[in-house]
């Protein structure tokens, strides 16, 4: 049986999702504020790893845990919700299967306590 990673289209599809997501994040002043002075290319590479790993690629996630990464960034609930909306919009724009969208959005929602107000 194919993994979600394979069903979504593998590496190229995950990169397309992350590229689309970060285009939206960086175009919005509310969400872009969290990335001032940060290496966005590195962040995107870590997101590709995280998404790939989570979707069953077998690729290890080599980044730090969510809480240490987000501590001190003071990400608000508003920013988190905007990014979640950008992720959903990107997945829909790329015509990702609804079952996979639901899985990805459930995973994203599970990260909220590890990301906001730290």
PDB file of N, CA and C in Angstrom:
ATOM      1  N   UNK A   1       0.841  -1.192   0.000  1.00  0.00           N
ATOM      2  CA  UNK A   1       0.000   0.000   0.000  1.00  0.00           C
ATOM      3  C   UNK A   1       0.887   1.257   0.000  1.00  0.00           C
ATOM      4  N   UNK A   2       0.543   2.210  -0.808  1.00  0.00           N
ATOM      5  CA  UNK A   2       1.320   3.442  -0.931  1.00  0.00           C
ATOM      6  C   UNK A   2       1.188   4.296   0.331  1.00  0.00           C
ATOM      7  N   UNK A   3       2.285   4.939   0.705  1.00  0.00           N
ATOM      8  CA  UNK A   3       2.245   5.872   1.830  1.00  0.00           C
ATOM      9  C   UNK A   3       1.541   7.159   1.386  1.00  0.00           C
ATOM     10  N   UNK A   4       1.166   7.958   2.354  1.00  0.00           N
ATOM     11  CA  UNK A   4       0.576   9.265   2.025  1.00  0.00           C
ATOM     12  C   UNK A   4       1.594  10.087   1.239  1.00  0.00           C
ATOM     13  N   UNK A   5       2.856   9.971   1.609  1.00  0.00           N
ATOM     14  CA  UNK A   5       3.928  10.677   0.906  1.00  0.00           C
ATOM     15  C   UNK A   5       3.924  10.316  -0.578  1.00  0.00           C
ATOM     16  N   UNK A   6       3.815   9.040  -0.872  1.00  0.00           N
ATOM     17  CA  UNK A   6       3.775   8.593  -2.268  1.00  0.00           C
ATOM     18  C   UNK A   6       2.483   9.036  -2.946  1.00  0.00           C
ATOM     19  N   UNK A   7       1.376   8.947  -2.225  1.00  0.00           N
ATOM     20  CA  UNK A   7       0.079   9.315  -2.801  1.00  0.00           C
ATOM     21  C   UNK A   7      -0.013  10.804  -3.127  1.00  0.00           C
ATOM     22  N   UNK A   8       0.656  11.633  -2.328  1.00  0.00           N
ATOM     23  CA  UNK A   8       0.598  13.077  -2.562  1.00  0.00           C
ATOM     24  C   UNK A   8       1.510  13.488  -3.719  1.00  0.00           C
ATOM     25  N   UNK A   9       2.460  12.628  -4.079  1.00  0.00           N
ATOM     26  CA  UNK A   9       3.342  12.943  -5.202  1.00  0.00           C
ATOM     27  C   UNK A   9       4.805  13.012  -4.843  1.00  0.00           C
ATOM     28  N   UNK A  10       5.173  12.585  -3.632  1.00  0.00           N
ATOM     29  CA  UNK A  10       6.568  12.513  -3.237  1.00  0.00           C
ATOM     30  C   UNK A  10       7.227  13.862  -3.000  1.00  0.00           C
ATOM     31  N   UNK A  11       8.538  13.865  -3.139  1.00  0.00           N
ATOM     32  CA  UNK A  11       9.354  15.038  -2.813  1.00  0.00           C
ATOM     33  C   UNK A  11       8.909  16.295  -3.561  1.00  0.00           C
ATOM     34  N   UNK A  12       8.697  16.185  -4.849  1.00  0.00           N
ATOM     35  CA  UNK A  12       8.323  17.370  -5.646  1.00  0.00           C
ATOM     36  C   UNK A  12       7.023  17.982  -5.144  1.00  0.00           C
ATOM     37  N   UNK A  13       6.072  17.145  -4.767  1.00  0.00           N
ATOM     38  CA  UNK A  13       4.790  17.655  -4.282  1.00  0.00           C
ATOM     39  C   UNK A  13       4.943  18.329  -2.924  1.00  0.00           C
ATOM     40  N   UNK A  14       5.739  17.733  -2.043  1.00  0.00           N
ATOM     41  CA  UNK A  14       5.955  18.337  -0.727  1.00  0.00           C
ATOM     42  C   UNK A  14       6.661  19.681  -0.884  1.00  0.00           C
ATOM     43  N   UNK A  15       7.655  19.754  -1.750  1.00  0.00           N
ATOM     44  CA  UNK A  15       8.347  21.026  -2.001  1.00  0.00           C
ATOM     45  C   UNK A  15       7.359  22.064  -2.540  1.00  0.00           C
ATOM     46  N   UNK A  16       6.474  21.663  -3.432  1.00  0.00           N
ATOM     47  CA  UNK A  16       5.476  22.593  -3.981  1.00  0.00           C
ATOM     48  C   UNK A  16       4.561  23.120  -2.884  1.00  0.00           C
ATOM     49  N   UNK A  17       4.163  22.247  -1.962  1.00  0.00           N
ATOM     50  CA  UNK A  17       3.314  22.684  -0.845  1.00  0.00           C
ATOM     51  C   UNK A  17       4.064  23.689   0.017  1.00  0.00           C
ATOM     52  N   UNK A  18       5.287  23.368   0.392  1.00  0.00           N
ATOM     53  CA  UNK A  18       6.056  24.259   1.265  1.00  0.00           C
ATOM     54  C   UNK A  18       6.365  25.579   0.559  1.00  0.00           C
ATOM     55  N   UNK A  19       6.720  25.545  -0.716  1.00  0.00           N
ATOM     56  CA  UNK A  19       6.959  26.785  -1.466  1.00  0.00           C
ATOM     57  C   UNK A  19       5.701  27.646  -1.508  1.00  0.00           C
ATOM     58  N   UNK A  20       4.566  27.038  -1.796  1.00  0.00           N
ATOM     59  CA  UNK A  20       3.306  27.781  -1.840  1.00  0.00           C
ATOM     60  C   UNK A  20       2.931  28.344  -0.484  1.00  0.00           C
ATOM     61  N   UNK A  21       3.128  27.536   0.554  1.00  0.00           N
ATOM     62  CA  UNK A  21       2.828  27.976   1.916  1.00  0.00           C
ATOM     63  C   UNK A  21       3.677  29.181   2.298  1.00  0.00           C
ATOM     64  N   UNK A  22       4.981  29.098   2.072  1.00  0.00           N
ATOM     65  CA  UNK A  22       5.861  30.197   2.484  1.00  0.00           C
ATOM     66  C   UNK A  22       5.688  31.442   1.625  1.00  0.00           C
ATOM     67  N   UNK A  23       5.275  31.302   0.401  1.00  0.00           N
ATOM     68  CA  UNK A  23       4.950  32.484  -0.407  1.00  0.00           C
ATOM     69  C   UNK A  23       3.819  33.259   0.262  1.00  0.00           C
ATOM     70  N   UNK A  24       2.833  32.534   0.773  1.00  0.00           N
ATOM     71  CA  UNK A  24       1.704  33.181   1.452  1.00  0.00           C
ATOM     72  C   UNK A  24       2.129  33.758   2.802  1.00  0.00           C
ATOM     73  N   UNK A  25       2.901  32.988   3.555  1.00  0.00           N
ATOM     74  CA  UNK A  25       3.362  33.453   4.870  1.00  0.00           C
ATOM     75  C   UNK A  25       4.150  34.752   4.733  1.00  0.00           C
ATOM     76  N   UNK A  26       5.077  34.791   3.786  1.00  0.00           N
ATOM     77  CA  UNK A  26       5.959  35.950   3.649  1.00  0.00           C
ATOM     78  C   UNK A  26       5.269  37.146   3.005  1.00  0.00           C
ATOM     79  N   UNK A  27       4.142  36.916   2.338  1.00  0.00           N
ATOM     80  CA  UNK A  27       3.390  38.012   1.724  1.00  0.00           C
ATOM     81  C   UNK A  27       2.448  38.689   2.711  1.00  0.00           C
ATOM     82  N   UNK A  28       2.244  38.087   3.868  1.00  0.00           N
ATOM     83  CA  UNK A  28       1.320  38.635   4.856  1.00  0.00           C
ATOM     84  C   UNK A  28       2.133  39.254   5.990  1.00  0.00           C
ATOM     85  N   UNK A  29       1.951  40.550   6.264  1.00  0.00           N
ATOM     86  CA  UNK A  29       2.780  41.193   7.285  1.00  0.00           C
ATOM     87  C   UNK A  29       2.615  40.591   8.681  1.00  0.00           C
ATOM     88  N   UNK A  30       1.452  40.047   8.989  1.00  0.00           N
ATOM     89  CA  UNK A  30       1.226  39.463  10.315  1.00  0.00           C
ATOM     90  C   UNK A  30       2.069  38.205  10.496  1.00  0.00           C
ATOM     91  N   UNK A  31       2.116  37.364   9.482  1.00  0.00           N
ATOM     92  CA  UNK A  31       2.879  36.118   9.595  1.00  0.00           C
ATOM     93  C   UNK A  31       4.346  36.309   9.219  1.00  0.00           C
ATOM     94  N   UNK A  32       4.631  37.219   8.320  1.00  0.00           N
ATOM     95  CA  UNK A  32       6.021  37.455   7.907  1.00  0.00           C
ATOM     96  C   UNK A  32       6.860  37.966   9.068  1.00  0.00           C
ATOM     97  N   UNK A  33       6.230  38.645  10.018  1.00  0.00           N
ATOM     98  CA  UNK A  33       6.956  39.206  11.155  1.00  0.00           C
ATOM     99  C   UNK A  33       7.745  38.145  11.921  1.00  0.00           C
ATOM    100  N   UNK A  34       7.252  36.920  11.952  1.00  0.00           N
ATOM    101  CA  UNK A  34       7.934  35.844  12.680  1.00  0.00           C
ATOM    102  C   UNK A  34       9.214  35.392  11.980  1.00  0.00           C
ATOM    103  N   UNK A  35       9.427  35.842  10.752  1.00  0.00           N
ATOM    104  CA  UNK A  35      10.583  35.378   9.974  1.00  0.00           C
ATOM    105  C   UNK A  35      11.632  36.456   9.745  1.00  0.00           C
ATOM    106  N   UNK A  36      11.440  37.615  10.337  1.00  0.00           N
ATOM    107  CA  UNK A  36      12.423  38.689  10.200  1.00  0.00           C
ATOM    108  C   UNK A  36      13.746  38.216  10.808  1.00  0.00           C
ATOM    109  N   UNK A  37      14.811  38.314  10.029  1.00  0.00           N
ATOM    110  CA  UNK A  37      16.128  37.930  10.502  1.00  0.00           C
ATOM    111  C   UNK A  37      16.377  36.432  10.554  1.00  0.00           C
ATOM    112  N   UNK A  38      15.467  35.648  10.001  1.00  0.00           N
ATOM    113  CA  UNK A  38      15.610  34.186  10.025  1.00  0.00           C
ATOM    114  C   UNK A  38      15.974  33.681   8.629  1.00  0.00           C
ATOM    115  N   UNK A  39      16.621  32.553   8.578  1.00  0.00           N
ATOM    116  CA  UNK A  39      16.994  31.914   7.320  1.00  0.00           C
ATOM    117  C   UNK A  39      15.792  31.126   6.800  1.00  0.00           C
ATOM    118  N   UNK A  40      15.009  31.759   5.946  1.00  0.00           N
ATOM    119  CA  UNK A  40      13.772  31.156   5.447  1.00  0.00           C
ATOM    120  C   UNK A  40      14.066  29.907   4.624  1.00  0.00           C
ATOM    121  N   UNK A  41      15.150  29.911   3.871  1.00  0.00           N
ATOM    122  CA  UNK A  41      15.482  28.720   3.078  1.00  0.00           C
ATOM    123  C   UNK A  41      15.753  27.513   3.970  1.00  0.00           C
ATOM    124  N   UNK A  42      16.436  27.735   5.082  1.00  0.00           N
ATOM    125  CA  UNK A  42      16.671  26.644   6.035  1.00  0.00           C
ATOM    126  C   UNK A  42      15.349  26.183   6.650  1.00  0.00           C
ATOM    127  N   UNK A  43      14.517  27.129   7.026  1.00  0.00           N
ATOM    128  CA  UNK A  43      13.213  26.795   7.604  1.00  0.00           C
ATOM    129  C   UNK A  43      12.390  25.970   6.626  1.00  0.00           C
ATOM    130  N   UNK A  44      12.375  26.381   5.374  1.00  0.00           N
ATOM    131  CA  UNK A  44      11.636  25.624   4.354  1.00  0.00           C
ATOM    132  C   UNK A  44      12.202  24.216   4.193  1.00  0.00           C
ATOM    133  N   UNK A  45      13.511  24.080   4.203  1.00  0.00           N
ATOM    134  CA  UNK A  45      14.125  22.751   4.083  1.00  0.00           C
ATOM    135  C   UNK A  45      13.720  21.859   5.252  1.00  0.00           C
ATOM    136  N   UNK A  46      13.671  22.436   6.450  1.00  0.00           N
ATOM    137  CA  UNK A  46      13.252  21.667   7.622  1.00  0.00           C
ATOM    138  C   UNK A  46      11.773  21.288   7.521  1.00  0.00           C
ATOM    139  N   UNK A  47      10.960  22.196   6.976  1.00  0.00           N
ATOM    140  CA  UNK A  47       9.535  21.889   6.786  1.00  0.00           C
ATOM    141  C   UNK A  47       9.356  20.756   5.783  1.00  0.00           C
ATOM    142  N   UNK A  48      10.142  20.766   4.717  1.00  0.00           N
ATOM    143  CA  UNK A  48      10.069  19.673   3.736  1.00  0.00           C
ATOM    144  C   UNK A  48      10.405  18.353   4.424  1.00  0.00           C
ATOM    145  N   UNK A  49      11.460  18.348   5.243  1.00  0.00           N
ATOM    146  CA  UNK A  49      11.815  17.133   5.988  1.00  0.00           C
ATOM    147  C   UNK A  49      10.689  16.699   6.915  1.00  0.00           C
ATOM    148  N   UNK A  50      10.155  17.653   7.675  1.00  0.00           N
ATOM    149  CA  UNK A  50       9.105  17.333   8.645  1.00  0.00           C
ATOM    150  C   UNK A  50       7.875  16.768   7.948  1.00  0.00           C
ATOM    151  N   UNK A  51       7.409  17.444   6.913  1.00  0.00           N
ATOM    152  CA  UNK A  51       6.231  16.969   6.184  1.00  0.00           C
ATOM    153  C   UNK A  51       6.506  15.613   5.545  1.00  0.00           C
ATOM    154  N   UNK A  52       7.662  15.457   4.932  1.00  0.00           N
ATOM    155  CA  UNK A  52       8.003  14.192   4.279  1.00  0.00           C
ATOM    156  C   UNK A  52       8.013  13.052   5.287  1.00  0.00           C
ATOM    157  N   UNK A  53       8.657  13.278   6.412  1.00  0.00           N
ATOM    158  CA  UNK A  53       8.726  12.270   7.468  1.00  0.00           C
ATOM    159  C   UNK A  53       7.330  11.931   7.988  1.00  0.00           C
ATOM    160  N   UNK A  54       6.551  12.955   8.269  1.00  0.00           N
ATOM    161  CA  UNK A  54       5.208  12.761   8.816  1.00  0.00           C
ATOM    162  C   UNK A  54       4.309  12.003   7.853  1.00  0.00           C
ATOM    163  N   UNK A  55       4.494  12.220   6.566  1.00  0.00           N
ATOM    164  CA  UNK A  55       3.644  11.572   5.562  1.00  0.00           C
ATOM    165  C   UNK A  55       4.134  10.176   5.180  1.00  0.00           C
ATOM    166  N   UNK A  56       5.191   9.702   5.845  1.00  0.00           N
ATOM    167  CA  UNK A  56       5.603   8.320   5.649  1.00  0.00           C
ATOM    168  C   UNK A  56       6.685   8.080   4.619  1.00  0.00           C
ATOM    169  N   UNK A  57       7.502   9.090   4.358  1.00  0.00           N
ATOM    170  CA  UNK A  57       8.548   8.952   3.338  1.00  0.00           C
ATOM    171  C   UNK A  57       9.691   8.041   3.766  1.00  0.00           C
ATOM    172  N   UNK A  58       9.889   7.922   5.056  1.00  0.00           N
ATOM    173  CA  UNK A  58      11.070   7.230   5.551  1.00  0.00           C
ATOM    174  C   UNK A  58      12.264   8.159   5.701  1.00  0.00           C
ATOM    175  N   UNK A  59      12.122   9.403   5.249  1.00  0.00           N
ATOM    176  CA  UNK A  59      13.168  10.416   5.391  1.00  0.00           C
ATOM    177  C   UNK A  59      13.172  10.874   6.851  1.00  0.00           C
ATOM    178  N   UNK A  60      14.328  10.832   7.514  1.00  0.00           N
ATOM    179  CA  UNK A  60      14.344  11.272   8.911  1.00  0.00           C
ATOM    180  C   UNK A  60      14.197  12.788   9.011  1.00  0.00           C
ATOM    181  N   UNK A  61      13.559  13.230  10.098  1.00  0.00           N
ATOM    182  CA  UNK A  61      13.487  14.658  10.398  1.00  0.00           C
ATOM    183  C   UNK A  61      14.694  14.980  11.258  1.00  0.00           C
ATOM    184  N   UNK A  62      15.576  15.835  10.771  1.00  0.00           N
ATOM    185  CA  UNK A  62      16.816  16.149  11.476  1.00  0.00           C
ATOM    186  C   UNK A  62      16.749  17.474  12.230  1.00  0.00           C
ATOM    187  N   UNK A  63      15.602  18.133  12.176  1.00  0.00           N
ATOM    188  CA  UNK A  63      15.449  19.415  12.853  1.00  0.00           C
ATOM    189  C   UNK A  63      15.229  19.261  14.344  1.00  0.00           C
ATOM    190  N   UNK A  64      15.197  20.396  15.010  1.00  0.00           N
ATOM    191  CA  UNK A  64      14.953  20.404  16.451  1.00  0.00           C
ATOM    192  C   UNK A  64      13.477  20.151  16.727  1.00  0.00           C
ATOM    193  N   UNK A  65      13.174  19.843  17.984  1.00  0.00           N
ATOM    194  CA  UNK A  65      11.789  19.672  18.415  1.00  0.00           C
ATOM    195  C   UNK A  65      11.055  21.008  18.290  1.00  0.00           C
ATOM    196  N   UNK A  66       9.745  20.938  18.210  1.00  0.00           N
ATOM    197  CA  UNK A  66       8.926  22.125  17.967  1.00  0.00           C
ATOM    198  C   UNK A  66       9.054  23.182  19.060  1.00  0.00           C
ATOM    199  N   UNK A  67       9.015  22.781  20.330  1.00  0.00           N
ATOM    200  CA  UNK A  67       9.037  23.777  21.406  1.00  0.00           C
ATOM    201  C   UNK A  67      10.340  24.580  21.399  1.00  0.00           C
ATOM    202  N   UNK A  68      11.520  23.952  21.376  1.00  0.00           N
ATOM    203  CA  UNK A  68      12.745  24.764  21.338  1.00  0.00           C
ATOM    204  C   UNK A  68      12.842  25.669  20.106  1.00  0.00           C
ATOM    205  N   UNK A  69      12.360  25.193  18.974  1.00  0.00           N
ATOM    206  CA  UNK A  69      12.423  25.996  17.745  1.00  0.00           C
ATOM    207  C   UNK A  69      11.565  27.251  17.864  1.00  0.00           C
ATOM    208  N   UNK A  70      10.422  27.140  18.525  1.00  0.00           N
ATOM    209  CA  UNK A  70       9.464  28.242  18.551  1.00  0.00           C
ATOM    210  C   UNK A  70       9.531  29.096  19.819  1.00  0.00           C
ATOM    211  N   UNK A  71      10.275  28.644  20.835  1.00  0.00           N
ATOM    212  CA  UNK A  71      10.402  29.416  22.068  1.00  0.00           C
ATOM    213  C   UNK A  71      11.073  30.754  21.768  1.00  0.00           C
ATOM    214  N   UNK A  72      10.470  31.805  22.265  1.00  0.00           N
ATOM    215  CA  UNK A  72      11.005  33.146  22.080  1.00  0.00           C
ATOM    216  C   UNK A  72      10.508  33.858  20.839  1.00  0.00           C
ATOM    217  N   UNK A  73       9.806  33.135  19.965  1.00  0.00           N
ATOM    218  CA  UNK A  73       9.265  33.777  18.760  1.00  0.00           C
ATOM    219  C   UNK A  73       7.935  34.466  19.034  1.00  0.00           C
ATOM    220  N   UNK A  74       7.300  34.111  20.136  1.00  0.00           N
ATOM    221  CA  UNK A  74       6.036  34.726  20.556  1.00  0.00           C
ATOM    222  C   UNK A  74       4.978  34.661  19.453  1.00  0.00           C
ATOM    223  N   UNK A  75       4.850  33.499  18.852  1.00  0.00           N
ATOM    224  CA  UNK A  75       3.853  33.300  17.796  1.00  0.00           C
ATOM    225  C   UNK A  75       2.473  33.296  18.429  1.00  0.00           C
ATOM    226  N   UNK A  76       1.590  34.093  17.865  1.00  0.00           N
ATOM    227  CA  UNK A  76       0.244  34.242  18.413  1.00  0.00           C
ATOM    228  C   UNK A  76      -0.720  33.229  17.800  1.00  0.00           C
ATOM    229  N   UNK A  77      -1.858  33.095  18.446  1.00  0.00           N
ATOM    230  CA  UNK A  77      -2.929  32.244  17.913  1.00  0.00           C
ATOM    231  C   UNK A  77      -3.348  32.766  16.543  1.00  0.00           C
ATOM    232  N   UNK A  78      -3.422  34.082  16.386  1.00  0.00           N
ATOM    233  CA  UNK A  78      -3.782  34.668  15.090  1.00  0.00           C
ATOM    234  C   UNK A  78      -2.789  34.239  14.007  1.00  0.00           C
ATOM    235  N   UNK A  79      -1.508  34.328  14.298  1.00  0.00           N
ATOM    236  CA  UNK A  79      -0.496  33.923  13.318  1.00  0.00           C
ATOM    237  C   UNK A  79      -0.608  32.434  12.994  1.00  0.00           C
ATOM    238  N   UNK A  80      -0.781  31.612  14.022  1.00  0.00           N
ATOM    239  CA  UNK A  80      -0.917  30.171  13.804  1.00  0.00           C
ATOM    240  C   UNK A  80      -2.116  29.878  12.915  1.00  0.00           C
ATOM    241  N   UNK A  81      -3.249  30.507  13.217  1.00  0.00           N
ATOM    242  CA  UNK A  81      -4.463  30.267  12.432  1.00  0.00           C
ATOM    243  C   UNK A  81      -4.310  30.746  10.991  1.00  0.00           C
ATOM    244  N   UNK A  82      -3.641  31.873  10.798  1.00  0.00           N
ATOM    245  CA  UNK A  82      -3.391  32.349   9.436  1.00  0.00           C
ATOM    246  C   UNK A  82      -2.544  31.348   8.657  1.00  0.00           C
ATOM    247  N   UNK A  83      -1.484  30.850   9.279  1.00  0.00           N
ATOM    248  CA  UNK A  83      -0.617  29.883   8.601  1.00  0.00           C
ATOM    249  C   UNK A  83      -1.387  28.604   8.293  1.00  0.00           C
ATOM    250  N   UNK A  84      -2.212  28.159   9.222  1.00  0.00           N
ATOM    251  CA  UNK A  84      -3.037  26.969   8.962  1.00  0.00           C
ATOM    252  C   UNK A  84      -3.953  27.213   7.766  1.00  0.00           C
ATOM    253  N   UNK A  85      -4.526  28.401   7.687  1.00  0.00           N
ATOM    254  CA  UNK A  85      -5.367  28.749   6.541  1.00  0.00           C
ATOM    255  C   UNK A  85      -4.575  28.791   5.241  1.00  0.00           C
ATOM    256  N   UNK A  86      -3.346  29.305   5.308  1.00  0.00           N
ATOM    257  CA  UNK A  86      -2.482  29.324   4.120  1.00  0.00           C
ATOM    258  C   UNK A  86      -2.142  27.904   3.682  1.00  0.00           C
ATOM    259  N   UNK A  87      -1.902  27.034   4.656  1.00  0.00           N
ATOM    260  CA  UNK A  87      -1.598  25.637   4.335  1.00  0.00           C
ATOM    261  C   UNK A  87      -2.788  24.983   3.647  1.00  0.00           C
ATOM    262  N   UNK A  88      -3.971  25.180   4.197  1.00  0.00           N
ATOM    263  CA  UNK A  88      -5.178  24.610   3.593  1.00  0.00           C
ATOM    264  C   UNK A  88      -5.376  25.144   2.178  1.00  0.00           C
ATOM    265  N   UNK A  89      -5.225  26.447   2.003  1.00  0.00           N
ATOM    266  CA  UNK A  89      -5.391  27.048   0.676  1.00  0.00           C
ATOM    267  C   UNK A  89      -4.375  26.478  -0.315  1.00  0.00           C
ATOM    268  N   UNK A  90      -3.133  26.316   0.132  1.00  0.00           N
ATOM    269  CA  UNK A  90      -2.091  25.777  -0.749  1.00  0.00           C
ATOM    270  C   UNK A  90      -2.399  24.343  -1.151  1.00  0.00           C
ATOM    271  N   UNK A  91      -2.805  23.525  -0.189  1.00  0.00           N
ATOM    272  CA  UNK A  91      -3.159  22.132  -0.493  1.00  0.00           C
ATOM    273  C   UNK A  91      -4.302  22.070  -1.498  1.00  0.00           C
ATOM    274  N   UNK A  92      -5.294  22.940  -1.310  1.00  0.00           N
ATOM    275  CA  UNK A  92      -6.430  22.965  -2.237  1.00  0.00           C
ATOM    276  C   UNK A  92      -6.017  23.465  -3.618  1.00  0.00           C
ATOM    277  N   UNK A  93      -5.164  24.484  -3.668  1.00  0.00           N
ATOM    278  CA  UNK A  93      -4.683  25.000  -4.958  1.00  0.00           C
ATOM    279  C   UNK A  93      -3.928  23.926  -5.742  1.00  0.00           C
ATOM    280  N   UNK A  94      -3.258  23.040  -5.016  1.00  0.00           N
ATOM    281  CA  UNK A  94      -2.477  21.975  -5.650  1.00  0.00           C
ATOM    282  C   UNK A  94      -3.305  20.708  -5.874  1.00  0.00           C
ATOM    283  N   UNK A  95      -4.596  20.810  -5.591  1.00  0.00           N
ATOM    284  CA  UNK A  95      -5.545  19.709  -5.828  1.00  0.00           C
ATOM    285  C   UNK A  95      -5.162  18.428  -5.094  1.00  0.00           C
ATOM    286  N   UNK A  96      -4.709  18.590  -3.851  1.00  0.00           N
ATOM    287  CA  UNK A  96      -4.392  17.430  -3.022  1.00  0.00           C
ATOM    288  C   UNK A  96      -5.703  16.764  -2.618  1.00  0.00           C
ATOM    289  N   UNK A  97      -5.710  15.439  -2.641  1.00  0.00           N
ATOM    290  CA  UNK A  97      -6.881  14.650  -2.272  1.00  0.00           C
ATOM    291  C   UNK A  97      -7.376  15.049  -0.877  1.00  0.00           C
ATOM    292  N   UNK A  98      -8.695  15.175  -0.727  1.00  0.00           N
ATOM    293  CA  UNK A  98      -9.282  15.667   0.518  1.00  0.00           C
ATOM    294  C   UNK A  98      -8.900  14.820   1.727  1.00  0.00           C
ATOM    295  N   UNK A  99      -8.802  13.523   1.576  1.00  0.00           N
ATOM    296  CA  UNK A  99      -8.401  12.660   2.695  1.00  0.00           C
ATOM    297  C   UNK A  99      -6.992  13.017   3.173  1.00  0.00           C
ATOM    298  N   UNK A 100      -6.114  13.294   2.233  1.00  0.00           N
ATOM    299  CA  UNK A 100      -4.746  13.683   2.582  1.00  0.00           C
ATOM    300  C   UNK A 100      -4.737  15.076   3.195  1.00  0.00           C
ATOM    301  N   UNK A 101      -5.536  15.974   2.658  1.00  0.00           N
ATOM    302  CA  UNK A 101      -5.663  17.318   3.241  1.00  0.00           C
ATOM    303  C   UNK A 101      -6.086  17.204   4.701  1.00  0.00           C
ATOM    304  N   UNK A 102      -7.086  16.377   4.972  1.00  0.00           N
ATOM    305  CA  UNK A 102      -7.568  16.205   6.346  1.00  0.00           C
ATOM    306  C   UNK A 102      -6.461  15.687   7.259  1.00  0.00           C
ATOM    307  N   UNK A 103      -5.683  14.733   6.774  1.00  0.00           N
ATOM    308  CA  UNK A 103      -4.578  14.181   7.562  1.00  0.00           C
ATOM    309  C   UNK A 103      -3.539  15.252   7.864  1.00  0.00           C
ATOM    310  N   UNK A 104      -3.176  16.026   6.860  1.00  0.00           N
ATOM    311  CA  UNK A 104      -2.169  17.077   7.042  1.00  0.00           C
ATOM    312  C   UNK A 104      -2.678  18.155   7.990  1.00  0.00           C
ATOM    313  N   UNK A 105      -3.923  18.555   7.836  1.00  0.00           N
ATOM    314  CA  UNK A 105      -4.465  19.610   8.689  1.00  0.00           C
ATOM    315  C   UNK A 105      -4.615  19.135  10.136  1.00  0.00           C
ATOM    316  N   UNK A 106      -4.942  17.873  10.334  1.00  0.00           N
ATOM    317  CA  UNK A 106      -5.018  17.319  11.690  1.00  0.00           C
ATOM    318  C   UNK A 106      -3.639  17.335  12.337  1.00  0.00           C
ATOM    319  N   UNK A 107      -2.623  16.946  11.567  1.00  0.00           N
ATOM    320  CA  UNK A 107      -1.254  16.990  12.078  1.00  0.00           C
ATOM    321  C   UNK A 107      -0.863  18.424  12.428  1.00  0.00           C
ATOM    322  N   UNK A 108      -1.143  19.361  11.533  1.00  0.00           N
ATOM    323  CA  UNK A 108      -0.791  20.764  11.778  1.00  0.00           C
ATOM    324  C   UNK A 108      -1.473  21.276  13.042  1.00  0.00           C
ATOM    325  N   UNK A 109      -2.742  20.959  13.213  1.00  0.00           N
ATOM    326  CA  UNK A 109      -3.483  21.402  14.399  1.00  0.00           C
ATOM    327  C   UNK A 109      -2.876  20.823  15.674  1.00  0.00           C
ATOM    328  N   UNK A 110      -2.357  19.607  15.598  1.00  0.00           N
ATOM    329  CA  UNK A 110      -1.775  18.972  16.784  1.00  0.00           C
ATOM    330  C   UNK A 110      -0.515  19.693  17.264  1.00  0.00           C
ATOM    331  N   UNK A 111       0.098  20.473  16.398  1.00  0.00           N
ATOM    332  CA  UNK A 111       1.324  21.190  16.752  1.00  0.00           C
ATOM    333  C   UNK A 111       1.060  22.516  17.463  1.00  0.00           C
ATOM    334  N   UNK A 112      -0.182  22.980  17.448  1.00  0.00           N
ATOM    335  CA  UNK A 112      -0.486  24.305  18.009  1.00  0.00           C
ATOM    336  C   UNK A 112       0.078  24.519  19.410  1.00  0.00           C
ATOM    337  N   UNK A 113      -0.123  23.594  20.371  1.00  0.00           N
ATOM    338  CA  UNK A 113       0.395  23.857  21.716  1.00  0.00           C
ATOM    339  C   UNK A 113       1.923  23.924  21.788  1.00  0.00           C
ATOM    340  N   UNK A 114       2.590  23.404  20.782  1.00  0.00           N
ATOM    341  CA  UNK A 114       4.053  23.417  20.762  1.00  0.00           C
ATOM    342  C   UNK A 114       4.616  24.635  20.031  1.00  0.00           C
ATOM    343  N   UNK A 115       3.725  25.485  19.516  1.00  0.00           N
ATOM    344  CA  UNK A 115       4.164  26.601  18.677  1.00  0.00           C
ATOM    345  C   UNK A 115       3.751  27.960  19.224  1.00  0.00           C
ATOM    346  N   UNK A 116       2.530  28.104  19.722  1.00  0.00           N
ATOM    347  CA  UNK A 116       2.058  29.445  20.080  1.00  0.00           C
ATOM    348  C   UNK A 116       2.431  29.836  21.511  1.00  0.00           C
ATOM    349  N   UNK A 117       2.624  31.135  21.663  1.00  0.00           N
ATOM    350  CA  UNK A 117       2.842  31.795  22.945  1.00  0.00           C
ATOM    351  C   UNK A 117       4.001  31.222  23.750  1.00  0.00           C
ATOM    352  N   UNK A 118       5.080  30.914  23.088  1.00  0.00           N
ATOM    353  CA  UNK A 118       6.244  30.373  23.809  1.00  0.00           C
ATOM    354  C   UNK A 118       7.309  31.443  23.986  1.00  0.00           C
TER     355      UNK A 118
END
